[in-house]
Amino acid sequence: MSHVHVCYYLGIIALRYFAILDSLYIFIRPFSMFLSSG
């Protein structure tokens, strides 16, 4: 594997990881707002 392939592969993993975090954040945010509002 060349250096470009490694960077490309890590980039795909990072994008997928951030997409999962983003969806979790969208799912948790209303719930945390509901808890903080009482």
PDB file of N, CA and C in Angstrom:
ATOM      1  N   MET A   1       0.842  -1.206   0.000  1.00  0.00           N
ATOM      2  CA  MET A   1       0.000   0.000   0.000  1.00  0.00           C
ATOM      3  C   MET A   1       0.873   1.250   0.000  1.00  0.00           C
ATOM      4  N   SER A   2       0.491   2.195  -0.802  1.00  0.00           N
ATOM      5  CA  SER A   2       1.247   3.448  -0.854  1.00  0.00           C
ATOM      6  C   SER A   2       0.744   4.429   0.201  1.00  0.00           C
ATOM      7  N   HIS A   3       1.484   5.516   0.343  1.00  0.00           N
ATOM      8  CA  HIS A   3       1.139   6.522   1.346  1.00  0.00           C
ATOM      9  C   HIS A   3      -0.228   7.144   1.055  1.00  0.00           C
ATOM     10  N   VAL A   4      -0.531   7.338  -0.240  1.00  0.00           N
ATOM     11  CA  VAL A   4      -1.808   7.951  -0.615  1.00  0.00           C
ATOM     12  C   VAL A   4      -2.965   7.044  -0.226  1.00  0.00           C
ATOM     13  N   HIS A   5      -2.790   5.730  -0.425  1.00  0.00           N
ATOM     14  CA  HIS A   5      -3.862   4.802  -0.078  1.00  0.00           C
ATOM     15  C   HIS A   5      -4.122   4.790   1.419  1.00  0.00           C
ATOM     16  N   VAL A   6      -3.055   4.868   2.211  1.00  0.00           N
ATOM     17  CA  VAL A   6      -3.216   4.870   3.665  1.00  0.00           C
ATOM     18  C   VAL A   6      -3.975   6.126   4.113  1.00  0.00           C
ATOM     19  N   CYS A   7      -3.603   7.276   3.568  1.00  0.00           N
ATOM     20  CA  CYS A   7      -4.275   8.520   3.926  1.00  0.00           C
ATOM     21  C   CYS A   7      -5.744   8.485   3.499  1.00  0.00           C
ATOM     22  N   TYR A   8      -6.000   7.926   2.314  1.00  0.00           N
ATOM     23  CA  TYR A   8      -7.369   7.837   1.816  1.00  0.00           C
ATOM     24  C   TYR A   8      -8.207   6.936   2.718  1.00  0.00           C
ATOM     25  N   TYR A   9      -7.627   5.808   3.136  1.00  0.00           N
ATOM     26  CA  TYR A   9      -8.330   4.860   3.990  1.00  0.00           C
ATOM     27  C   TYR A   9      -8.629   5.475   5.349  1.00  0.00           C
ATOM     28  N   LEU A  10      -7.645   6.163   5.923  1.00  0.00           N
ATOM     29  CA  LEU A  10      -7.849   6.817   7.226  1.00  0.00           C
ATOM     30  C   LEU A  10      -8.882   7.936   7.108  1.00  0.00           C
ATOM     31  N   GLY A  11      -8.891   8.615   5.984  1.00  0.00           N
ATOM     32  CA  GLY A  11      -9.871   9.679   5.770  1.00  0.00           C
ATOM     33  C   GLY A  11     -11.291   9.132   5.743  1.00  0.00           C
ATOM     34  N   ILE A  12     -11.478   7.986   5.083  1.00  0.00           N
ATOM     35  CA  ILE A  12     -12.803   7.362   5.030  1.00  0.00           C
ATOM     36  C   ILE A  12     -13.246   6.939   6.430  1.00  0.00           C
ATOM     37  N   ILE A  13     -12.325   6.365   7.196  1.00  0.00           N
ATOM     38  CA  ILE A  13     -12.655   5.938   8.562  1.00  0.00           C
ATOM     39  C   ILE A  13     -13.027   7.162   9.412  1.00  0.00           C
ATOM     40  N   ALA A  14     -12.268   8.248   9.261  1.00  0.00           N
ATOM     41  CA  ALA A  14     -12.540   9.452  10.041  1.00  0.00           C
ATOM     42  C   ALA A  14     -13.899  10.043   9.678  1.00  0.00           C
ATOM     43  N   LEU A  15     -14.223  10.082   8.381  1.00  0.00           N
ATOM     44  CA  LEU A  15     -15.511  10.627   7.960  1.00  0.00           C
ATOM     45  C   LEU A  15     -16.656   9.785   8.501  1.00  0.00           C
ATOM     46  N   ARG A  16     -16.500   8.467   8.462  1.00  0.00           N
ATOM     47  CA  ARG A  16     -17.549   7.585   8.970  1.00  0.00           C
ATOM     48  C   ARG A  16     -17.709   7.752  10.476  1.00  0.00           C
ATOM     49  N   TYR A  17     -16.575   7.907  11.192  1.00  0.00           N
ATOM     50  CA  TYR A  17     -16.607   8.075  12.636  1.00  0.00           C
ATOM     51  C   TYR A  17     -17.297   9.386  13.010  1.00  0.00           C
ATOM     52  N   PHE A  18     -16.974  10.471  12.294  1.00  0.00           N
ATOM     53  CA  PHE A  18     -17.607  11.753  12.577  1.00  0.00           C
ATOM     54  C   PHE A  18     -19.088  11.735  12.216  1.00  0.00           C
ATOM     55  N   ALA A  19     -19.458  10.978  11.175  1.00  0.00           N
ATOM     56  CA  ALA A  19     -20.868  10.874  10.810  1.00  0.00           C
ATOM     57  C   ALA A  19     -21.650  10.172  11.920  1.00  0.00           C
ATOM     58  N   ILE A  20     -21.048   9.136  12.522  1.00  0.00           N
ATOM     59  CA  ILE A  20     -21.701   8.428  13.625  1.00  0.00           C
ATOM     60  C   ILE A  20     -21.846   9.357  14.833  1.00  0.00           C
ATOM     61  N   LEU A  21     -20.784  10.113  15.134  1.00  0.00           N
ATOM     62  CA  LEU A  21     -20.843  11.042  16.262  1.00  0.00           C
ATOM     63  C   LEU A  21     -21.893  12.121  16.007  1.00  0.00           C
ATOM     64  N   ASP A  22     -21.993  12.579  14.770  1.00  0.00           N
ATOM     65  CA  ASP A  22     -22.946  13.623  14.433  1.00  0.00           C
ATOM     66  C   ASP A  22     -24.375  13.121  14.609  1.00  0.00           C
ATOM     67  N   SER A  23     -24.654  11.898  14.167  1.00  0.00           N
ATOM     68  CA  SER A  23     -25.997  11.345  14.313  1.00  0.00           C
ATOM     69  C   SER A  23     -26.332  11.109  15.786  1.00  0.00           C
ATOM     70  N   LEU A  24     -25.325  10.669  16.562  1.00  0.00           N
ATOM     71  CA  LEU A  24     -25.556  10.487  17.996  1.00  0.00           C
ATOM     72  C   LEU A  24     -25.842  11.832  18.662  1.00  0.00           C
ATOM     73  N   TYR A  25     -25.127  12.868  18.254  1.00  0.00           N
ATOM     74  CA  TYR A  25     -25.316  14.188  18.836  1.00  0.00           C
ATOM     75  C   TYR A  25     -26.716  14.712  18.529  1.00  0.00           C
ATOM     76  N   ILE A  26     -27.178  14.508  17.293  1.00  0.00           N
ATOM     77  CA  ILE A  26     -28.514  14.949  16.908  1.00  0.00           C
ATOM     78  C   ILE A  26     -29.570  14.176  17.706  1.00  0.00           C
ATOM     79  N   PHE A  27     -29.290  12.911  18.001  1.00  0.00           N
ATOM     80  CA  PHE A  27     -30.244  12.089  18.734  1.00  0.00           C
ATOM     81  C   PHE A  27     -30.272  12.447  20.214  1.00  0.00           C
ATOM     82  N   ILE A  28     -29.104  12.770  20.787  1.00  0.00           N
ATOM     83  CA  ILE A  28     -28.998  13.015  22.223  1.00  0.00           C
ATOM     84  C   ILE A  28     -29.347  14.458  22.588  1.00  0.00           C
ATOM     85  N   ARG A  29     -29.097  15.402  21.697  1.00  0.00           N
ATOM     86  CA  ARG A  29     -29.290  16.821  22.018  1.00  0.00           C
ATOM     87  C   ARG A  29     -30.704  17.149  22.497  1.00  0.00           C
ATOM     88  N   PRO A  30     -31.773  16.729  21.821  1.00  0.00           N
ATOM     89  CA  PRO A  30     -33.114  17.053  22.335  1.00  0.00           C
ATOM     90  C   PRO A  30     -33.366  16.425  23.703  1.00  0.00           C
ATOM     91  N   PHE A  31     -32.827  15.238  23.922  1.00  0.00           N
ATOM     92  CA  PHE A  31     -33.025  14.555  25.197  1.00  0.00           C
ATOM     93  C   PHE A  31     -32.316  15.310  26.319  1.00  0.00           C
ATOM     94  N   SER A  32     -31.094  15.792  26.057  1.00  0.00           N
ATOM     95  CA  SER A  32     -30.360  16.530  27.080  1.00  0.00           C
ATOM     96  C   SER A  32     -31.022  17.891  27.330  1.00  0.00           C
ATOM     97  N   MET A  33     -31.582  18.511  26.281  1.00  0.00           N
ATOM     98  CA  MET A  33     -32.293  19.771  26.462  1.00  0.00           C
ATOM     99  C   MET A  33     -33.539  19.554  27.300  1.00  0.00           C
ATOM    100  N   PHE A  34     -34.204  18.422  27.089  1.00  0.00           N
ATOM    101  CA  PHE A  34     -35.401  18.096  27.858  1.00  0.00           C
ATOM    102  C   PHE A  34     -35.053  17.896  29.328  1.00  0.00           C
ATOM    103  N   LEU A  35     -33.907  17.242  29.590  1.00  0.00           N
ATOM    104  CA  LEU A  35     -33.490  17.019  30.972  1.00  0.00           C
ATOM    105  C   LEU A  35     -33.082  18.328  31.645  1.00  0.00           C
ATOM    106  N   SER A  36     -32.387  19.189  30.925  1.00  0.00           N
ATOM    107  CA  SER A  36     -31.913  20.438  31.525  1.00  0.00           C
ATOM    108  C   SER A  36     -33.068  21.412  31.753  1.00  0.00           C
ATOM    109  N   SER A  37     -34.118  21.310  30.927  1.00  0.00           N
ATOM    110  CA  SER A  37     -35.251  22.217  31.086  1.00  0.00           C
ATOM    111  C   SER A  37     -36.108  21.802  32.278  1.00  0.00           C
ATOM    112  N   GLY A  38     -36.005  20.540  32.674  1.00  0.00           N
ATOM    113  CA  GLY A  38     -36.757  20.063  33.822  1.00  0.00           C
ATOM    114  C   GLY A  38     -38.169  19.711  33.422  1.00  0.00           C
TER     115      GLY A  38
END
